[in-house]
Amino acid sequence: MSDGPNRILDELARLMTDAAGAAQGVRREVETAFRAQAERLLNSMDLVQREEFDAMRDMVAKARAENATLAERIDALEARLAIIEADKATKSAKKPSESPRLKK
């Protein structure tokens, strides 16, 4: 009868191992179902994915940098235009007014 208690313990250990394996299988199924449900929920909420958000953020940063560069160029061109207009105004003010002479 020495095999009796060991045999019962072996059967109990095998039963526990099978139960643990079944529990892991159930856990995987629940995780899969939960992920699928969460994905459906997020898709229905019309949320953006992280990769799309990062790509858009990079595009916006690039556009802002280009806008800043273009604004600096516009400011420089406006300053040059103001100088040119000021020079023209100064030159026309210095010229004596030319009026057509009348012939007698």
PDB file of N, CA and C in Angstrom:
ATOM      1  N   MET A   1       0.791  -1.185   0.000  1.00  0.00           N
ATOM      2  CA  MET A   1       0.000   0.000   0.000  1.00  0.00           C
ATOM      3  C   MET A   1       0.850   1.273   0.000  1.00  0.00           C
ATOM      4  N   SER A   2       2.120   1.134  -0.153  1.00  0.00           N
ATOM      5  CA  SER A   2       2.983   2.308  -0.184  1.00  0.00           C
ATOM      6  C   SER A   2       2.764   3.106  -1.462  1.00  0.00           C
ATOM      7  N   ASP A   3       2.257   2.467  -2.486  1.00  0.00           N
ATOM      8  CA  ASP A   3       1.973   3.184  -3.728  1.00  0.00           C
ATOM      9  C   ASP A   3       0.727   4.053  -3.593  1.00  0.00           C
ATOM     10  N   GLY A   4      -0.123   3.804  -2.684  1.00  0.00           N
ATOM     11  CA  GLY A   4      -1.396   4.506  -2.546  1.00  0.00           C
ATOM     12  C   GLY A   4      -1.260   6.001  -2.356  1.00  0.00           C
ATOM     13  N   PRO A   5      -0.591   6.475  -1.304  1.00  0.00           N
ATOM     14  CA  PRO A   5      -0.485   7.920  -1.083  1.00  0.00           C
ATOM     15  C   PRO A   5       0.308   8.612  -2.185  1.00  0.00           C
ATOM     16  N   ASN A   6       1.380   7.952  -2.669  1.00  0.00           N
ATOM     17  CA  ASN A   6       2.157   8.554  -3.759  1.00  0.00           C
ATOM     18  C   ASN A   6       1.333   8.630  -5.030  1.00  0.00           C
ATOM     19  N   ARG A   7       0.579   7.608  -5.269  1.00  0.00           N
ATOM     20  CA  ARG A   7      -0.259   7.582  -6.475  1.00  0.00           C
ATOM     21  C   ARG A   7      -1.325   8.666  -6.406  1.00  0.00           C
ATOM     22  N   ILE A   8      -1.889   8.859  -5.242  1.00  0.00           N
ATOM     23  CA  ILE A   8      -2.903   9.913  -5.082  1.00  0.00           C
ATOM     24  C   ILE A   8      -2.264  11.281  -5.273  1.00  0.00           C
ATOM     25  N   LEU A   9      -1.078  11.463  -4.710  1.00  0.00           N
ATOM     26  CA  LEU A   9      -0.377  12.745  -4.876  1.00  0.00           C
ATOM     27  C   LEU A   9       0.008  12.970  -6.338  1.00  0.00           C
ATOM     28  N   ASP A  10       0.441  11.919  -7.037  1.00  0.00           N
ATOM     29  CA  ASP A  10       0.771  12.042  -8.464  1.00  0.00           C
ATOM     30  C   ASP A  10      -0.466  12.434  -9.264  1.00  0.00           C
ATOM     31  N   GLU A  11      -1.584  11.802  -8.970  1.00  0.00           N
ATOM     32  CA  GLU A  11      -2.826  12.126  -9.678  1.00  0.00           C
ATOM     33  C   GLU A  11      -3.268  13.558  -9.378  1.00  0.00           C
ATOM     34  N   LEU A  12      -3.108  13.947  -8.116  1.00  0.00           N
ATOM     35  CA  LEU A  12      -3.468  15.310  -7.715  1.00  0.00           C
ATOM     36  C   LEU A  12      -2.562  16.326  -8.422  1.00  0.00           C
ATOM     37  N   ALA A  13      -1.276  16.041  -8.524  1.00  0.00           N
ATOM     38  CA  ALA A  13      -0.337  16.926  -9.209  1.00  0.00           C
ATOM     39  C   ALA A  13      -0.678  17.014 -10.690  1.00  0.00           C
ATOM     40  N   ARG A  14      -1.005  15.878 -11.317  1.00  0.00           N
ATOM     41  CA  ARG A  14      -1.378  15.868 -12.729  1.00  0.00           C
ATOM     42  C   ARG A  14      -2.667  16.676 -12.937  1.00  0.00           C
ATOM     43  N   LEU A  15      -3.608  16.527 -12.029  1.00  0.00           N
ATOM     44  CA  LEU A  15      -4.866  17.263 -12.114  1.00  0.00           C
ATOM     45  C   LEU A  15      -4.616  18.767 -11.998  1.00  0.00           C
ATOM     46  N   MET A  16      -3.749  19.157 -11.083  1.00  0.00           N
ATOM     47  CA  MET A  16      -3.421  20.580 -10.915  1.00  0.00           C
ATOM     48  C   MET A  16      -2.709  21.131 -12.150  1.00  0.00           C
ATOM     49  N   THR A  17      -1.822  20.334 -12.731  1.00  0.00           N
ATOM     50  CA  THR A  17      -1.121  20.764 -13.948  1.00  0.00           C
ATOM     51  C   THR A  17      -2.114  20.960 -15.088  1.00  0.00           C
ATOM     52  N   ASP A  18      -3.030  20.025 -15.236  1.00  0.00           N
ATOM     53  CA  ASP A  18      -4.063  20.153 -16.275  1.00  0.00           C
ATOM     54  C   ASP A  18      -4.952  21.368 -16.017  1.00  0.00           C
ATOM     55  N   ALA A  19      -5.286  21.615 -14.759  1.00  0.00           N
ATOM     56  CA  ALA A  19      -6.121  22.765 -14.412  1.00  0.00           C
ATOM     57  C   ALA A  19      -5.382  24.071 -14.718  1.00  0.00           C
ATOM     58  N   ALA A  20      -4.083  24.095 -14.421  1.00  0.00           N
ATOM     59  CA  ALA A  20      -3.291  25.298 -14.704  1.00  0.00           C
ATOM     60  C   ALA A  20      -3.219  25.540 -16.204  1.00  0.00           C
ATOM     61  N   GLY A  21      -3.044  24.482 -16.975  1.00  0.00           N
ATOM     62  CA  GLY A  21      -3.013  24.618 -18.437  1.00  0.00           C
ATOM     63  C   GLY A  21      -4.343  25.111 -18.963  1.00  0.00           C
ATOM     64  N   ALA A  22      -5.437  24.586 -18.426  1.00  0.00           N
ATOM     65  CA  ALA A  22      -6.762  25.033 -18.850  1.00  0.00           C
ATOM     66  C   ALA A  22      -6.985  26.485 -18.465  1.00  0.00           C
ATOM     67  N   ALA A  23      -6.511  26.870 -17.289  1.00  0.00           N
ATOM     68  CA  ALA A  23      -6.655  28.259 -16.836  1.00  0.00           C
ATOM     69  C   ALA A  23      -5.878  29.204 -17.747  1.00  0.00           C
ATOM     70  N   GLN A  24      -4.694  28.781 -18.181  1.00  0.00           N
ATOM     71  CA  GLN A  24      -3.913  29.612 -19.099  1.00  0.00           C
ATOM     72  C   GLN A  24      -4.618  29.753 -20.438  1.00  0.00           C
ATOM     73  N   GLY A  25      -5.217  28.668 -20.906  1.00  0.00           N
ATOM     74  CA  GLY A  25      -5.971  28.722 -22.159  1.00  0.00           C
ATOM     75  C   GLY A  25      -7.152  29.669 -22.053  1.00  0.00           C
ATOM     76  N   VAL A  26      -7.853  29.608 -20.950  1.00  0.00           N
ATOM     77  CA  VAL A  26      -8.986  30.520 -20.728  1.00  0.00           C
ATOM     78  C   VAL A  26      -8.500  31.954 -20.643  1.00  0.00           C
ATOM     79  N   ARG A  27      -7.382  32.154 -19.961  1.00  0.00           N
ATOM     80  CA  ARG A  27      -6.818  33.505 -19.847  1.00  0.00           C
ATOM     81  C   ARG A  27      -6.479  34.077 -21.223  1.00  0.00           C
ATOM     82  N   ARG A  28      -5.862  33.257 -22.091  1.00  0.00           N
ATOM     83  CA  ARG A  28      -5.522  33.711 -23.440  1.00  0.00           C
ATOM     84  C   ARG A  28      -6.782  34.056 -24.232  1.00  0.00           C
ATOM     85  N   GLU A  29      -7.808  33.233 -24.106  1.00  0.00           N
ATOM     86  CA  GLU A  29      -9.056  33.502 -24.814  1.00  0.00           C
ATOM     87  C   GLU A  29      -9.704  34.789 -24.323  1.00  0.00           C
ATOM     88  N   VAL A  30      -9.686  35.002 -23.003  1.00  0.00           N
ATOM     89  CA  VAL A  30     -10.269  36.225 -22.442  1.00  0.00           C
ATOM     90  C   VAL A  30      -9.472  37.439 -22.903  1.00  0.00           C
ATOM     91  N   GLU A  31      -8.143  37.361 -22.901  1.00  0.00           N
ATOM     92  CA  GLU A  31      -7.310  38.474 -23.370  1.00  0.00           C
ATOM     93  C   GLU A  31      -7.592  38.785 -24.832  1.00  0.00           C
ATOM     94  N   THR A  32      -7.702  37.746 -25.654  1.00  0.00           N
ATOM     95  CA  THR A  32      -7.977  37.946 -27.074  1.00  0.00           C
ATOM     96  C   THR A  32      -9.336  38.606 -27.261  1.00  0.00           C
ATOM     97  N   ALA A  33     -10.335  38.133 -26.547  1.00  0.00           N
ATOM     98  CA  ALA A  33     -11.676  38.719 -26.651  1.00  0.00           C
ATOM     99  C   ALA A  33     -11.671  40.165 -26.161  1.00  0.00           C
ATOM    100  N   PHE A  34     -10.962  40.416 -25.067  1.00  0.00           N
ATOM    101  CA  PHE A  34     -10.904  41.774 -24.530  1.00  0.00           C
ATOM    102  C   PHE A  34     -10.216  42.724 -25.511  1.00  0.00           C
ATOM    103  N   ARG A  35      -9.115  42.281 -26.088  1.00  0.00           N
ATOM    104  CA  ARG A  35      -8.405  43.133 -27.059  1.00  0.00           C
ATOM    105  C   ARG A  35      -9.259  43.415 -28.281  1.00  0.00           C
ATOM    106  N   ALA A  36      -9.951  42.406 -28.760  1.00  0.00           N
ATOM    107  CA  ALA A  36     -10.816  42.607 -29.925  1.00  0.00           C
ATOM    108  C   ALA A  36     -11.929  43.600 -29.595  1.00  0.00           C
ATOM    109  N   GLN A  37     -12.526  43.461 -28.422  1.00  0.00           N
ATOM    110  CA  GLN A  37     -13.595  44.380 -28.016  1.00  0.00           C
ATOM    111  C   GLN A  37     -13.046  45.788 -27.826  1.00  0.00           C
ATOM    112  N   ALA A  38     -11.885  45.923 -27.218  1.00  0.00           N
ATOM    113  CA  ALA A  38     -11.276  47.237 -27.024  1.00  0.00           C
ATOM    114  C   ALA A  38     -10.933  47.880 -28.368  1.00  0.00           C
ATOM    115  N   GLU A  39     -10.438  47.089 -29.292  1.00  0.00           N
ATOM    116  CA  GLU A  39     -10.113  47.615 -30.620  1.00  0.00           C
ATOM    117  C   GLU A  39     -11.370  48.094 -31.340  1.00  0.00           C
ATOM    118  N   ARG A  40     -12.448  47.323 -31.246  1.00  0.00           N
ATOM    119  CA  ARG A  40     -13.713  47.749 -31.857  1.00  0.00           C
ATOM    120  C   ARG A  40     -14.208  49.047 -31.222  1.00  0.00           C
ATOM    121  N   LEU A  41     -14.094  49.149 -29.917  1.00  0.00           N
ATOM    122  CA  LEU A  41     -14.525  50.348 -29.212  1.00  0.00           C
ATOM    123  C   LEU A  41     -13.704  51.557 -29.647  1.00  0.00           C
ATOM    124  N   LEU A  42     -12.387  51.405 -29.705  1.00  0.00           N
ATOM    125  CA  LEU A  42     -11.521  52.514 -30.104  1.00  0.00           C
ATOM    126  C   LEU A  42     -11.765  52.909 -31.556  1.00  0.00           C
ATOM    127  N   ASN A  43     -12.004  51.928 -32.424  1.00  0.00           N
ATOM    128  CA  ASN A  43     -12.288  52.246 -33.824  1.00  0.00           C
ATOM    129  C   ASN A  43     -13.606  52.996 -33.961  1.00  0.00           C
ATOM    130  N   SER A  44     -14.581  52.649 -33.145  1.00  0.00           N
ATOM    131  CA  SER A  44     -15.873  53.331 -33.224  1.00  0.00           C
ATOM    132  C   SER A  44     -15.786  54.744 -32.679  1.00  0.00           C
ATOM    133  N   MET A  45     -14.786  55.006 -31.817  1.00  0.00           N
ATOM    134  CA  MET A  45     -14.613  56.348 -31.257  1.00  0.00           C
ATOM    135  C   MET A  45     -13.847  57.259 -32.206  1.00  0.00           C
ATOM    136  N   ASP A  46     -13.385  56.741 -33.314  1.00  0.00           N
ATOM    137  CA  ASP A  46     -12.670  57.519 -34.324  1.00  0.00           C
ATOM    138  C   ASP A  46     -11.424  58.190 -33.736  1.00  0.00           C
ATOM    139  N   LEU A  47     -10.656  57.417 -32.983  1.00  0.00           N
ATOM    140  CA  LEU A  47      -9.403  57.912 -32.414  1.00  0.00           C
ATOM    141  C   LEU A  47      -8.267  57.676 -33.392  1.00  0.00           C
ATOM    142  N   VAL A  48      -7.276  58.527 -33.331  1.00  0.00           N
ATOM    143  CA  VAL A  48      -6.133  58.414 -34.225  1.00  0.00           C
ATOM    144  C   VAL A  48      -5.099  57.473 -33.608  1.00  0.00           C
ATOM    145  N   GLN A  49      -4.406  56.746 -34.464  1.00  0.00           N
ATOM    146  CA  GLN A  49      -3.359  55.851 -33.967  1.00  0.00           C
ATOM    147  C   GLN A  49      -2.109  56.655 -33.665  1.00  0.00           C
ATOM    148  N   ARG A  50      -1.279  56.117 -32.810  1.00  0.00           N
ATOM    149  CA  ARG A  50      -0.075  56.809 -32.354  1.00  0.00           C
ATOM    150  C   ARG A  50       0.855  57.141 -33.518  1.00  0.00           C
ATOM    151  N   GLU A  51       1.017  56.200 -34.449  1.00  0.00           N
ATOM    152  CA  GLU A  51       1.912  56.429 -35.590  1.00  0.00           C
ATOM    153  C   GLU A  51       1.411  57.599 -36.433  1.00  0.00           C
ATOM    154  N   GLU A  52       0.099  57.664 -36.651  1.00  0.00           N
ATOM    155  CA  GLU A  52      -0.467  58.761 -37.441  1.00  0.00           C
ATOM    156  C   GLU A  52      -0.282  60.086 -36.711  1.00  0.00           C
ATOM    157  N   PHE A  53      -0.465  60.067 -35.397  1.00  0.00           N
ATOM    158  CA  PHE A  53      -0.298  61.282 -34.601  1.00  0.00           C
ATOM    159  C   PHE A  53       1.147  61.774 -34.676  1.00  0.00           C
ATOM    160  N   ASP A  54       2.104  60.863 -34.525  1.00  0.00           N
ATOM    161  CA  ASP A  54       3.511  61.248 -34.580  1.00  0.00           C
ATOM    162  C   ASP A  54       3.874  61.816 -35.951  1.00  0.00           C
ATOM    163  N   ALA A  55       3.367  61.188 -37.009  1.00  0.00           N
ATOM    164  CA  ALA A  55       3.650  61.672 -38.361  1.00  0.00           C
ATOM    165  C   ALA A  55       3.074  63.075 -38.553  1.00  0.00           C
ATOM    166  N   MET A  56       1.855  63.290 -38.085  1.00  0.00           N
ATOM    167  CA  MET A  56       1.222  64.602 -38.228  1.00  0.00           C
ATOM    168  C   MET A  56       1.957  65.652 -37.393  1.00  0.00           C
ATOM    169  N   ARG A  57       2.402  65.281 -36.194  1.00  0.00           N
ATOM    170  CA  ARG A  57       3.146  66.206 -35.344  1.00  0.00           C
ATOM    171  C   ARG A  57       4.438  66.638 -36.035  1.00  0.00           C
ATOM    172  N   ASP A  58       5.136  65.688 -36.676  1.00  0.00           N
ATOM    173  CA  ASP A  58       6.368  66.017 -37.391  1.00  0.00           C
ATOM    174  C   ASP A  58       6.082  66.944 -38.563  1.00  0.00           C
ATOM    175  N   MET A  59       4.989  66.681 -39.276  1.00  0.00           N
ATOM    176  CA  MET A  59       4.628  67.542 -40.410  1.00  0.00           C
ATOM    177  C   MET A  59       4.303  68.958 -39.938  1.00  0.00           C
ATOM    178  N   VAL A  60       3.595  69.081 -38.836  1.00  0.00           N
ATOM    179  CA  VAL A  60       3.246  70.400 -38.300  1.00  0.00           C
ATOM    180  C   VAL A  60       4.495  71.145 -37.854  1.00  0.00           C
ATOM    181  N   ALA A  61       5.416  70.452 -37.207  1.00  0.00           N
ATOM    182  CA  ALA A  61       6.662  71.095 -36.774  1.00  0.00           C
ATOM    183  C   ALA A  61       7.448  71.608 -37.984  1.00  0.00           C
ATOM    184  N   LYS A  62       7.492  70.814 -39.036  1.00  0.00           N
ATOM    185  CA  LYS A  62       8.199  71.226 -40.256  1.00  0.00           C
ATOM    186  C   LYS A  62       7.509  72.434 -40.892  1.00  0.00           C
ATOM    187  N   ALA A  63       6.174  72.406 -40.928  1.00  0.00           N
ATOM    188  CA  ALA A  63       5.426  73.529 -41.506  1.00  0.00           C
ATOM    189  C   ALA A  63       5.640  74.801 -40.693  1.00  0.00           C
ATOM    190  N   ARG A  64       5.673  74.690 -39.376  1.00  0.00           N
ATOM    191  CA  ARG A  64       5.915  75.870 -38.540  1.00  0.00           C
ATOM    192  C   ARG A  64       7.300  76.440 -38.789  1.00  0.00           C
ATOM    193  N   ALA A  65       8.291  75.576 -38.933  1.00  0.00           N
ATOM    194  CA  ALA A  65       9.654  76.050 -39.204  1.00  0.00           C
ATOM    195  C   ALA A  65       9.712  76.758 -40.559  1.00  0.00           C
ATOM    196  N   GLU A  66       9.042  76.183 -41.559  1.00  0.00           N
ATOM    197  CA  GLU A  66       9.007  76.817 -42.883  1.00  0.00           C
ATOM    198  C   GLU A  66       8.283  78.154 -42.817  1.00  0.00           C
ATOM    199  N   ASN A  67       7.192  78.233 -42.065  1.00  0.00           N
ATOM    200  CA  ASN A  67       6.462  79.491 -41.921  1.00  0.00           C
ATOM    201  C   ASN A  67       7.332  80.553 -41.260  1.00  0.00           C
ATOM    202  N   ALA A  68       8.092  80.164 -40.253  1.00  0.00           N
ATOM    203  CA  ALA A  68       8.975  81.115 -39.584  1.00  0.00           C
ATOM    204  C   ALA A  68      10.043  81.620 -40.562  1.00  0.00           C
ATOM    205  N   THR A  69      10.595  80.725 -41.358  1.00  0.00           N
ATOM    206  CA  THR A  69      11.598  81.119 -42.350  1.00  0.00           C
ATOM    207  C   THR A  69      11.000  82.072 -43.378  1.00  0.00           C
ATOM    208  N   LEU A  70       9.807  81.739 -43.853  1.00  0.00           N
ATOM    209  CA  LEU A  70       9.156  82.603 -44.839  1.00  0.00           C
ATOM    210  C   LEU A  70       8.791  83.955 -44.235  1.00  0.00           C
ATOM    211  N   ALA A  71       8.382  83.990 -42.980  1.00  0.00           N
ATOM    212  CA  ALA A  71       8.058  85.262 -42.329  1.00  0.00           C
ATOM    213  C   ALA A  71       9.304  86.136 -42.227  1.00  0.00           C
ATOM    214  N   GLU A  72      10.445  85.525 -41.920  1.00  0.00           N
ATOM    215  CA  GLU A  72      11.705  86.286 -41.862  1.00  0.00           C
ATOM    216  C   GLU A  72      12.062  86.841 -43.233  1.00  0.00           C
ATOM    217  N   ARG A  73      11.871  86.031 -44.273  1.00  0.00           N
ATOM    218  CA  ARG A  73      12.165  86.506 -45.634  1.00  0.00           C
ATOM    219  C   ARG A  73      11.243  87.650 -46.023  1.00  0.00           C
ATOM    220  N   ILE A  74       9.964  87.547 -45.657  1.00  0.00           N
ATOM    221  CA  ILE A  74       9.014  88.621 -45.971  1.00  0.00           C
ATOM    222  C   ILE A  74       9.408  89.895 -45.242  1.00  0.00           C
ATOM    223  N   ASP A  75       9.773  89.779 -43.968  1.00  0.00           N
ATOM    224  CA  ASP A  75      10.200  90.960 -43.210  1.00  0.00           C
ATOM    225  C   ASP A  75      11.420  91.611 -43.853  1.00  0.00           C
ATOM    226  N   ALA A  76      12.384  90.796 -44.293  1.00  0.00           N
ATOM    227  CA  ALA A  76      13.581  91.342 -44.933  1.00  0.00           C
ATOM    228  C   ALA A  76      13.229  92.036 -46.250  1.00  0.00           C
ATOM    229  N   LEU A  77      12.350  91.415 -47.027  1.00  0.00           N
ATOM    230  CA  LEU A  77      11.948  92.030 -48.303  1.00  0.00           C
ATOM    231  C   LEU A  77      11.171  93.322 -48.073  1.00  0.00           C
ATOM    232  N   GLU A  78      10.307  93.345 -47.071  1.00  0.00           N
ATOM    233  CA  GLU A  78       9.560  94.573 -46.775  1.00  0.00           C
ATOM    234  C   GLU A  78      10.505  95.680 -46.317  1.00  0.00           C
ATOM    235  N   ALA A  79      11.527  95.321 -45.552  1.00  0.00           N
ATOM    236  CA  ALA A  79      12.501  96.319 -45.118  1.00  0.00           C
ATOM    237  C   ALA A  79      13.261  96.878 -46.314  1.00  0.00           C
ATOM    238  N   ARG A  80      13.659  96.004 -47.241  1.00  0.00           N
ATOM    239  CA  ARG A  80      14.356  96.475 -48.451  1.00  0.00           C
ATOM    240  C   ARG A  80      13.455  97.364 -49.282  1.00  0.00           C
ATOM    241  N   LEU A  81      12.189  96.980 -49.399  1.00  0.00           N
ATOM    242  CA  LEU A  81      11.229  97.778 -50.173  1.00  0.00           C
ATOM    243  C   LEU A  81      11.035  99.150 -49.532  1.00  0.00           C
ATOM    244  N   ALA A  82      10.972  99.191 -48.224  1.00  0.00           N
ATOM    245  CA  ALA A  82      10.819 100.467 -47.531  1.00  0.00           C
ATOM    246  C   ALA A  82      12.024 101.359 -47.779  1.00  0.00           C
ATOM    247  N   ILE A  83      13.214 100.779 -47.785  1.00  0.00           N
ATOM    248  CA  ILE A  83      14.431 101.554 -48.051  1.00  0.00           C
ATOM    249  C   ILE A  83      14.404 102.101 -49.469  1.00  0.00           C
ATOM    250  N   ILE A  84      14.015 101.257 -50.420  1.00  0.00           N
ATOM    251  CA  ILE A  84      13.957 101.685 -51.824  1.00  0.00           C
ATOM    252  C   ILE A  84      12.936 102.803 -51.990  1.00  0.00           C
ATOM    253  N   GLU A  85      11.788 102.681 -51.384  1.00  0.00           N
ATOM    254  CA  GLU A  85      10.757 103.718 -51.490  1.00  0.00           C
ATOM    255  C   GLU A  85      11.208 105.008 -50.820  1.00  0.00           C
ATOM    256  N   ALA A  86      11.923 104.883 -49.698  1.00  0.00           N
ATOM    257  CA  ALA A  86      12.432 106.075 -49.021  1.00  0.00           C
ATOM    258  C   ALA A  86      13.468 106.767 -49.900  1.00  0.00           C
ATOM    259  N   ASP A  87      14.339 106.004 -50.568  1.00  0.00           N
ATOM    260  CA  ASP A  87      15.333 106.592 -51.478  1.00  0.00           C
ATOM    261  C   ASP A  87      14.646 107.305 -52.638  1.00  0.00           C
ATOM    262  N   LYS A  88      13.611 106.693 -53.189  1.00  0.00           N
ATOM    263  CA  LYS A  88      12.877 107.333 -54.289  1.00  0.00           C
ATOM    264  C   LYS A  88      12.230 108.633 -53.830  1.00  0.00           C
ATOM    265  N   ALA A  89      11.654 108.618 -52.650  1.00  0.00           N
ATOM    266  CA  ALA A  89      11.007 109.821 -52.132  1.00  0.00           C
ATOM    267  C   ALA A  89      12.046 110.912 -51.890  1.00  0.00           C
ATOM    268  N   THR A  90      13.199 110.551 -51.394  1.00  0.00           N
ATOM    269  CA  THR A  90      14.263 111.515 -51.137  1.00  0.00           C
ATOM    270  C   THR A  90      14.776 112.104 -52.443  1.00  0.00           C
ATOM    271  N   LYS A  91      14.971 111.276 -53.442  1.00  0.00           N
ATOM    272  CA  LYS A  91      15.462 111.755 -54.747  1.00  0.00           C
ATOM    273  C   LYS A  91      14.445 112.658 -55.421  1.00  0.00           C
ATOM    274  N   SER A  92      13.180 112.316 -55.342  1.00  0.00           N
ATOM    275  CA  SER A  92      12.173 113.163 -55.996  1.00  0.00           C
ATOM    276  C   SER A  92      11.990 114.468 -55.235  1.00  0.00           C
ATOM    277  N   ALA A  93      12.249 114.509 -53.954  1.00  0.00           N
ATOM    278  CA  ALA A  93      12.147 115.743 -53.187  1.00  0.00           C
ATOM    279  C   ALA A  93      13.331 116.658 -53.486  1.00  0.00           C
ATOM    280  N   LYS A  94      14.485 116.109 -53.790  1.00  0.00           N
ATOM    281  CA  LYS A  94      15.669 116.906 -54.074  1.00  0.00           C
ATOM    282  C   LYS A  94      15.642 117.500 -55.465  1.00  0.00           C
ATOM    283  N   LYS A  95      14.968 116.861 -56.402  1.00  0.00           N
ATOM    284  CA  LYS A  95      14.913 117.368 -57.771  1.00  0.00           C
ATOM    285  C   LYS A  95      14.084 118.649 -57.800  1.00  0.00           C
ATOM    286  N   PRO A  96      14.595 119.631 -58.543  1.00  0.00           N
ATOM    287  CA  PRO A  96      13.753 120.833 -58.693  1.00  0.00           C
ATOM    288  C   PRO A  96      12.572 120.458 -59.569  1.00  0.00           C
ATOM    289  N   SER A  97      11.514 121.085 -59.279  1.00  0.00           N
ATOM    290  CA  SER A  97      10.330 120.751 -60.050  1.00  0.00           C
ATOM    291  C   SER A  97      10.518 121.260 -61.467  1.00  0.00           C
ATOM    292  N   GLU A  98      10.324 120.392 -62.376  1.00  0.00           N
ATOM    293  CA  GLU A  98      10.482 120.758 -63.784  1.00  0.00           C
ATOM    294  C   GLU A  98       9.117 121.086 -64.343  1.00  0.00           C
ATOM    295  N   SER A  99       8.975 122.327 -64.715  1.00  0.00           N
ATOM    296  CA  SER A  99       7.717 122.710 -65.347  1.00  0.00           C
ATOM    297  C   SER A  99       8.015 123.040 -66.794  1.00  0.00           C
ATOM    298  N   PRO A 100       7.127 122.720 -67.652  1.00  0.00           N
ATOM    299  CA  PRO A 100       7.379 123.011 -69.058  1.00  0.00           C
ATOM    300  C   PRO A 100       7.419 124.533 -69.279  1.00  0.00           C
ATOM    301  N   ARG A 101       8.398 124.971 -70.075  1.00  0.00           N
ATOM    302  CA  ARG A 101       8.544 126.382 -70.364  1.00  0.00           C
ATOM    303  C   ARG A 101       7.635 126.760 -71.516  1.00  0.00           C
ATOM    304  N   LEU A 102       7.090 127.865 -71.328  1.00  0.00           N
ATOM    305  CA  LEU A 102       6.225 128.376 -72.378  1.00  0.00           C
ATOM    306  C   LEU A 102       7.041 129.205 -73.351  1.00  0.00           C
ATOM    307  N   LYS A 103       6.823 129.016 -74.597  1.00  0.00           N
ATOM    308  CA  LYS A 103       7.544 129.777 -75.613  1.00  0.00           C
ATOM    309  C   LYS A 103       6.809 131.072 -75.866  1.00  0.00           C
ATOM    310  N   LYS A 104       7.590 132.129 -75.985  1.00  0.00           N
ATOM    311  CA  LYS A 104       6.977 133.427 -76.263  1.00  0.00           C
ATOM    312  C   LYS A 104       7.183 133.820 -77.652  1.00  0.00           C
TER     313      LYS A 104
END
